[in-house]
């Protein structure tokens, strides 16, 4: 239990400090600790429920969350995430790890591509927003990632949503996708509730500390630390999949 509490606090700290979903951090750490891939994904989904709800509450207090816009994408994410356990159950652990590696590489690429800020937000059909949510929810939850990683560049880069609002919307989307994903994975028995709840509760403390810590550190240093972390994750996954596998 002590290991899980420390792990949850560490994951929450990194998540709050870097402003990224806990799944991209937690899953590889659980793999390093010896958890099987599908079990690690189930634990990650449980943990994301805690972090996304708490983080969205903090963002609401700061006034950066547009609930009306994200609700349609979130509804799509809820529907899409219901299919995540089907995807996970019918794909091997090795393929899931390859998908996860692709997500981390995409996250790394995003750090080197500056998202342009636009003054006017584009209005888009609600049906299209729903379809976007379905796609992101089904794919991301299947590998234990909330979906904000994919949603933020879509909102900021294509719909011209202000970056801070896009980040807040990405985290709120995870509320929908993670709750639905938890239901889906629970139905097929892929959830370690005890580990997930312990890590999830412990992560709340880390998220709080991380959010306050990020305001004291320069953006350049923050970005360099995140690049270093993702490079370490990519190196481990490549070793695990292609060398040690």
Foldseek 3Di string as FASTA:
>chain_A
DVVLLVLLLVLLQLCQQLLFQSQLVQQLVVVVVPDQQLLSLQLLLLLLLLSLVLLLVVVVVVVLEDCVVLVLLLLLLLQLLLCLLVVLVPDDSLVLLVLSLVLLVLLLVVLVDDQDADDDFADDDSVVSSPNSNVQLNSQSNSNGQRLSPQQCCRCRPRNRGNSSSSSSSSNSSNSSSVSNNVNCVVVPSHPVVSSVSSNVSSSNSSVNSNVVNVVDDPVVSSVVVSVVSVVSSVVSCCVNPPVD
